[in-house]
Protein backbone atom coordinates (compact mmCIF):
# COMPACT_ATOMS: atom_id res chain seq x y z
CA MET A 1 161.83 66.10 248.80
CA LYS A 2 159.24 69.25 248.96
CA ASN A 3 158.85 70.56 245.77
CA LEU A 4 160.36 74.00 244.95
CA HIS A 5 158.08 77.02 243.91
CA TYR A 6 159.00 79.96 241.76
CA LYS A 7 157.55 82.30 244.44
CA ASP A 8 159.94 81.09 247.62
CA PHE A 9 163.41 81.39 245.59
CA PHE A 10 163.30 84.30 243.15
CA TRP A 11 163.62 87.16 245.62
CA ASN A 12 166.53 89.42 245.90
CA SER A 13 167.44 91.88 248.71
CA ASP A 14 167.72 94.89 246.70
CA LEU A 15 164.58 96.57 246.02
CA THR A 16 164.63 98.09 243.44
CA CYS A 17 166.38 94.91 241.70
CA THR A 18 164.10 92.58 239.53
CA GLY A 19 166.98 89.66 238.31
CA GLY A 20 164.71 87.05 240.29
CA TYR A 21 161.53 88.03 238.35
CA ASP A 22 164.34 88.31 235.31
CA ALA A 23 165.36 84.62 235.67
CA ILE A 24 162.02 83.55 236.01
CA ILE A 25 160.92 85.83 232.12
CA GLN A 26 164.25 84.44 230.89
CA TYR A 27 163.35 81.00 231.25
CA LEU A 28 159.92 81.29 229.96
CA ASN A 29 161.15 83.31 226.69
CA ASP A 30 163.44 80.08 226.53
CA GLY A 31 159.98 77.56 226.63
CA LYS A 32 158.79 79.86 223.49
CA ARG A 33 161.71 79.19 221.69
CA VAL A 34 161.32 75.50 221.54
CA CYS A 35 158.45 75.26 221.79
CA LYS A 36 158.43 77.72 218.08
CA GLU A 37 161.77 75.17 217.15
CA VAL A 38 159.38 71.70 218.13
CA GLU A 39 156.56 73.53 215.16
CA GLU A 40 158.79 73.83 212.81
CA PHE A 41 160.51 70.51 213.31
CA MET A 42 157.22 69.03 212.46
CA LYS A 43 156.62 71.13 209.62
CA ALA A 44 159.83 70.41 207.99
CA ARG A 45 159.06 66.46 208.68
CA ALA A 46 156.10 67.00 207.66
CA SER A 47 157.30 68.53 204.10
CA ILE A 48 159.51 65.67 203.69
CA GLU A 49 157.02 62.73 204.58
CA GLU A 50 154.93 64.53 201.75
CA LYS A 51 157.34 65.00 199.15
CA TYR A 52 158.36 60.57 199.77
CA ALA A 53 154.49 60.84 199.50
CA LYS A 54 154.46 61.89 196.68
CA ASP A 55 157.54 60.24 194.91
CA LEU A 56 156.01 56.93 195.84
CA LEU A 57 152.83 57.55 194.17
CA GLY A 58 155.19 58.65 191.20
CA LEU A 59 156.37 55.72 191.31
CA SER A 60 153.82 53.35 191.27
CA LYS A 61 151.87 54.81 188.35
CA LYS A 62 155.08 54.11 186.26
CA VAL A 63 155.65 50.55 184.18
CA CYS A 64 157.03 47.73 186.37
CA GLY A 65 156.25 44.26 185.20
CA HIS A 66 154.13 44.95 182.30
CA ASN A 67 155.39 42.38 180.02
CA GLU A 68 155.42 39.52 183.07
CA MET A 69 152.79 37.11 182.85
CA ASN A 70 150.80 34.91 185.22
CA SER A 71 151.54 34.48 188.56
CA LEU A 72 154.02 36.85 188.64
CA LYS A 73 152.18 39.40 187.04
CA ARG A 74 149.95 39.64 189.90
CA SER A 75 152.63 39.48 192.36
CA LEU A 76 153.93 42.53 191.00
CA ASP A 77 150.20 44.29 190.55
CA VAL A 78 149.68 44.19 194.35
CA PHE A 79 153.15 45.31 194.57
CA LYS A 80 152.51 48.86 192.73
CA LEU A 81 149.13 49.02 194.55
CA GLN A 82 150.29 48.85 198.24
CA THR A 83 153.13 51.27 196.54
CA GLU A 84 150.40 53.22 195.74
CA HIS A 85 148.34 52.86 198.78
CA MET A 86 151.85 53.64 201.43
CA SER A 87 151.72 56.58 199.62
CA LEU A 88 148.40 57.94 200.29
CA SER A 89 149.52 56.62 203.96
CA HIS A 90 152.46 59.02 204.04
CA LEU A 91 150.00 62.13 202.77
CA GLN A 92 148.17 61.25 205.86
CA LEU A 93 151.25 60.99 208.11
CA ALA A 94 152.03 64.82 206.90
CA GLN A 95 148.56 66.16 207.72
CA ASN A 96 148.85 64.69 210.92
CA MET A 97 151.79 66.34 211.94
CA ARG A 98 151.21 69.07 210.47
CA ASP A 99 147.44 68.88 212.77
CA GLU A 100 149.77 68.54 215.34
CA ALA A 101 152.17 71.84 214.98
CA LYS A 102 149.14 73.27 214.57
CA LYS A 103 147.89 72.48 218.21
CA LEU A 104 151.76 73.47 219.41
CA GLU A 105 151.66 76.89 217.50
CA ASP A 106 148.33 77.71 219.04
CA PHE A 107 148.95 76.42 222.40
CA ARG A 108 151.94 78.69 222.21
CA GLU A 109 150.37 81.91 221.19
CA LYS A 110 148.14 81.45 224.11
CA GLN A 111 150.45 81.03 226.62
CA LYS A 112 151.79 84.29 224.72
CA GLU A 113 148.58 85.96 225.01
CA ALA A 114 147.83 84.98 228.36
CA ARG A 115 151.54 86.03 229.76
CA LYS A 116 151.85 89.16 227.87
CA LYS A 117 148.98 90.67 230.65
CA ILE A 118 150.99 90.12 233.57
CA GLU A 119 154.55 90.96 231.97
CA GLN A 120 152.46 94.24 231.41
CA GLN A 121 151.20 94.59 234.82
CA MET A 122 154.87 93.39 236.27
CA ASP A 123 156.45 96.00 234.19
CA ALA A 124 154.29 98.62 235.44
CA LEU A 125 154.55 97.96 239.29
CA HIS A 126 158.65 97.82 238.49
CA LYS A 127 158.53 100.96 237.94
CA GLN A 128 155.92 102.55 239.85
CA LYS A 129 158.51 100.97 242.57
CA ALA A 130 161.55 102.13 240.93
CA SER A 131 159.65 105.70 240.95
CA GLN A 132 158.51 105.57 244.43
CA PHE A 133 161.57 103.93 245.62
CA LYS A 134 163.90 106.98 244.06
CA LYS A 135 161.12 109.50 245.57
CA THR A 136 161.43 107.88 248.33
CA MET A 137 165.78 108.22 248.77
CA ASP A 138 164.97 111.79 247.77
CA SER A 139 162.76 112.72 250.36
CA LYS A 140 164.79 111.58 253.12
CA LYS A 141 168.24 112.97 251.80
CA THR A 142 166.36 116.31 252.27
CA TYR A 143 165.33 114.83 255.41
CA ASP A 144 168.72 114.42 257.19
CA GLN A 145 169.45 118.11 255.64
CA LYS A 146 166.84 120.07 257.15
CA CYS A 147 167.50 117.69 259.93
CA ARG A 148 171.57 119.18 260.07
CA ASP A 149 170.31 122.31 259.38
CA LYS A 150 167.65 122.51 262.48
CA GLU A 151 170.75 121.05 264.55
CA GLU A 152 172.98 123.66 263.41
CA ALA A 153 170.25 126.53 263.56
CA ASP A 154 169.95 125.26 267.05
CA GLN A 155 173.15 125.47 267.90
CA ASN A 156 173.94 128.91 266.70
CA MET A 157 170.78 130.18 269.69
CA ASN A 158 172.41 128.56 272.14
CA ARG A 159 175.56 130.04 271.63
CA ASN A 160 176.05 133.34 274.21
CA THR A 161 176.29 136.29 273.02
CA ASN A 162 174.41 140.07 274.19
CA ASN A 163 173.17 141.01 271.08
CA THR A 164 168.99 140.91 271.58
CA LYS A 165 168.38 142.04 267.66
CA HIS A 166 171.47 139.00 266.30
CA MET A 167 169.40 136.77 269.41
CA GLU A 168 165.86 136.95 267.78
CA LYS A 169 167.64 136.72 264.45
CA LEU A 170 168.86 133.17 265.59
CA TYR A 171 165.69 132.49 267.06
CA SER A 172 163.74 133.07 263.58
CA LYS A 173 165.97 131.12 261.34
CA ALA A 174 166.04 127.50 264.65
CA GLN A 175 162.25 128.22 264.11
CA GLN A 176 162.01 127.97 260.22
CA ALA A 177 164.38 125.33 259.92
CA LYS A 178 162.57 123.44 262.87
CA GLN A 179 159.33 123.53 260.56
CA ASN A 180 161.63 123.02 257.76
CA ALA A 181 162.68 119.86 259.39
CA ASP A 182 159.31 118.36 259.99
CA GLU A 183 157.88 118.69 257.22
CA ALA A 184 160.56 116.81 255.03
CA ASP A 185 159.80 114.63 258.22
CA ARG A 186 156.73 114.10 257.58
CA LEU A 187 157.13 114.28 253.19
CA TYR A 188 159.55 111.51 254.49
CA GLN A 189 157.26 109.15 255.94
CA GLN A 190 154.88 109.84 253.71
CA ASN A 191 156.59 108.48 251.20
CA VAL A 192 158.49 105.64 253.84
CA ALA A 193 154.63 104.29 254.23
CA THR A 194 153.85 104.65 249.78
CA MET A 195 157.17 102.69 249.29
CA GLY A 196 155.46 100.18 251.85
CA LYS A 197 152.25 100.32 250.62
CA ILE A 198 153.76 99.57 246.79
CA ARG A 199 156.07 96.73 248.40
CA ASP A 200 153.14 95.13 249.45
CA ASP A 201 151.23 95.29 246.27
CA TRP A 202 154.41 94.09 244.44
CA MET A 203 154.69 91.39 246.70
CA LYS A 204 151.51 90.03 246.07
CA GLU A 205 151.68 90.05 242.93
CA HIS A 206 155.17 88.53 242.45
CA ILE A 207 153.75 85.83 243.94
CA LYS A 208 150.96 85.45 241.78
CA ALA A 209 152.64 86.08 238.81
CA CYS A 210 155.30 83.64 240.16
CA GLU A 211 152.58 80.88 240.74
CA MET A 212 150.79 81.87 236.91
CA PHE A 213 154.55 81.21 235.41
CA GLU A 214 154.81 78.20 237.55
CA LYS A 215 151.72 76.75 235.87
CA GLN A 216 152.50 77.70 232.73
CA SER A 217 155.90 75.86 232.70
CA VAL A 218 154.62 72.72 234.20
CA GLU A 219 151.52 72.68 230.48
CA ARG A 220 154.36 73.83 228.21
CA ILE A 221 156.80 70.74 229.33
CA ASN A 222 154.01 68.72 229.57
CA PHE A 223 152.40 69.71 226.46
CA LEU A 224 155.80 69.62 224.20
CA ARG A 225 156.67 65.89 225.92
CA ASN A 226 152.99 64.62 224.69
CA THR A 227 152.88 66.34 221.06
CA VAL A 228 156.87 64.40 220.81
CA TRP A 229 155.07 61.17 222.32
CA THR A 230 152.28 61.81 219.99
CA HIS A 231 154.49 62.48 216.62
CA LEU A 232 156.63 59.33 217.83
CA ASN A 233 153.40 57.20 218.01
CA GLN A 234 152.82 58.61 214.53
CA LEU A 235 156.04 57.00 213.11
CA SER A 236 155.57 54.37 215.23
CA GLN A 237 152.12 53.59 213.38
CA GLN A 238 153.42 54.27 209.82
CA CYS A 239 155.39 51.43 210.68
CA VAL A 240 153.20 49.19 211.67
CA THR A 241 150.60 50.21 208.42
CA SER A 242 154.31 49.99 205.90
CA ASP A 243 154.28 46.56 207.25
CA GLU A 244 150.73 45.58 206.17
CA LEU A 245 150.72 46.67 202.96
CA TYR A 246 154.15 44.47 202.84
CA GLU A 247 152.33 41.51 204.24
CA GLU A 248 149.83 42.02 201.35
CA VAL A 249 152.71 41.75 198.69
CA ARG A 250 154.26 38.88 200.68
CA LYS A 251 151.36 36.67 200.53
CA SER A 252 150.60 37.71 196.86
CA LEU A 253 154.52 36.53 196.42
CA GLU A 254 153.83 33.56 198.05
CA GLN A 255 150.98 32.40 195.29
CA CYS A 256 153.18 32.91 192.91
CA ASN A 257 153.82 29.25 191.15
CA ILE A 258 157.65 29.12 189.17
CA GLN A 259 156.06 25.85 187.16
CA GLU A 260 152.47 27.25 186.45
CA ASP A 261 154.63 29.97 184.85
CA LEU A 262 156.35 28.67 182.65
CA GLU A 263 153.68 26.10 181.66
CA HIS A 264 151.58 29.31 180.77
CA PHE A 265 154.20 30.70 179.24
CA VAL A 266 154.94 27.45 177.16
CA ASN A 267 150.87 27.18 176.56
CA LEU A 268 150.34 30.34 175.76
CA ARG A 269 153.63 31.07 173.09
CA ARG A 270 154.73 28.12 171.26
CA THR A 271 155.96 27.25 168.26
CA GLY A 272 156.43 23.36 167.30
CA ASP A 273 157.83 20.42 168.95
CA LYS A 274 160.12 19.08 166.39
CA PRO A 275 163.32 20.15 165.88
CA PRO A 276 164.77 20.94 162.56
CA ALA A 277 166.94 18.38 160.19
CA ALA A 278 170.17 18.10 160.82
CA VAL A 279 172.69 19.91 156.99
CA VAL A 280 173.21 17.26 154.48
CA TYR A 281 176.44 16.93 153.22
CA GLU A 282 176.59 16.04 148.91
CA ASN A 283 179.83 15.58 147.06
CA PHE A 284 179.40 17.66 144.26
CA TYR A 285 181.45 15.26 141.94
CA SER A 286 180.67 11.39 142.72
CA GLY A 287 177.17 12.42 143.93
CA GLN A 288 177.73 10.59 146.92
CA LYS A 289 175.98 11.62 150.22
CA SER A 290 177.61 11.74 153.20
CA PRO A 291 178.49 8.69 154.67
CA THR A 292 177.21 10.11 158.57
CA ALA A 293 174.04 11.46 156.69
CA ALA A 294 170.61 9.29 156.06
CA PRO A 295 170.06 9.09 152.10
CA PRO A 296 166.95 11.45 151.36
CA SER A 297 164.26 10.25 150.39
CA ARG A 298 163.76 11.16 146.45
CA LEU A 299 161.28 9.93 143.43
CA PRO A 300 162.65 9.49 139.62
CA PRO A 301 161.43 12.70 137.61
CA PRO A 302 158.16 12.11 135.70
CA ILE A 303 158.30 10.76 132.15
CA THR A 304 156.75 12.50 129.04
CA ARG A 305 155.96 10.65 126.53
CA ARG A 306 155.51 11.91 123.37
CA GLY A 307 152.71 11.95 121.44
CA PRO A 308 151.64 10.33 117.62
CA LEU A 309 152.71 11.49 114.53
CA PRO A 310 150.73 14.25 112.10
CA GLU A 311 148.70 12.51 109.32
CA PRO A 312 150.68 14.13 106.28
CA THR A 313 148.31 16.40 104.04
CA GLN A 314 147.56 16.12 100.41
CA ASN A 315 149.65 18.89 99.35
CA SER A 316 152.40 18.45 101.50
CA ARG A 317 156.00 17.13 99.90
CA ASP A 318 157.57 13.68 100.56
CA THR A 319 158.79 13.74 103.54
CA LEU A 320 159.86 11.06 105.97
CA TYR A 321 159.90 10.84 109.35
CA SER A 322 162.25 9.40 111.77
CA THR A 323 160.98 6.94 114.83
CA VAL A 324 162.62 5.65 117.90
CA GLN A 325 163.79 2.38 116.16
CA ASP A 326 165.27 3.85 113.40
CA ALA A 327 169.15 3.83 113.58
CA GLY A 328 168.77 7.64 111.89
CA TYR A 329 166.67 8.76 114.83
CA SER A 330 167.92 12.46 114.71
CA LEU A 331 168.14 13.13 110.43
CA ILE A 332 164.86 14.18 108.91
CA GLN A 333 165.81 13.04 105.65
CA TYR A 334 163.48 14.83 102.48
């Protein structure tokens, strides 16, 4: 299949019409707008990634598993650390996206400047072409009118008349009409020649402009395609990086030993290996202990013995002290 090119398919039958050129310019303007939209899209995505990264970083600083111990605590510490690393990777991704958006912006501005020169040149040629075309058409109208005037003067002169003076007057008008027609013809031909030269120059520049605009279109489509491709590669790489960070957490979780953590807690916080004794029922009236419970081991209360009796003094009264063996143990007699 033959490749289609701008220079072959954007002409118009009307010399003053710029429809083909305008169609190309509209397409290029639409392409510039698309570049701007993709650029803004990538900047917005970079802002989302940056906000997500900052939220992740803040999340990684929060308390998570502070009171946990042993292997599970180590896994939770790795989990928080990798969350922090994840936030840093998303920050880097956001920066990479902004770099790509900046490249697209620079490319768009570069094409804009290159187009500006061509468009200014073509606009000047279009104005010159339109002006010369109008001038040529006006000179043609003048030429046509002068030719009609000449024919009319010739016809009047050729009419039979016996008035010599009148014949001389008609002859003079015919000569003047002929001179006017010749001058109009000369001016008309000059304008046509000028128009032809301007047309040739315009056609050459139009072809050059079409080739340049086609080249820009090829570059724009290729650049946009590569930019989006790179953007997707960055997202895919982020997925790979994220999975690598997740894998570090999974490896740490594989080292988590449930039984070891339980034993660590027991050895660290143990309080004793014997339970408390059961509560025993004691009957207030019988003093008997519940048959279901073993009698508590009790020792009899200690016996306190009385010391020896004091010796009576000389001036003391005769006093009789009772002893334990006396029948009246509790009675004191004088």
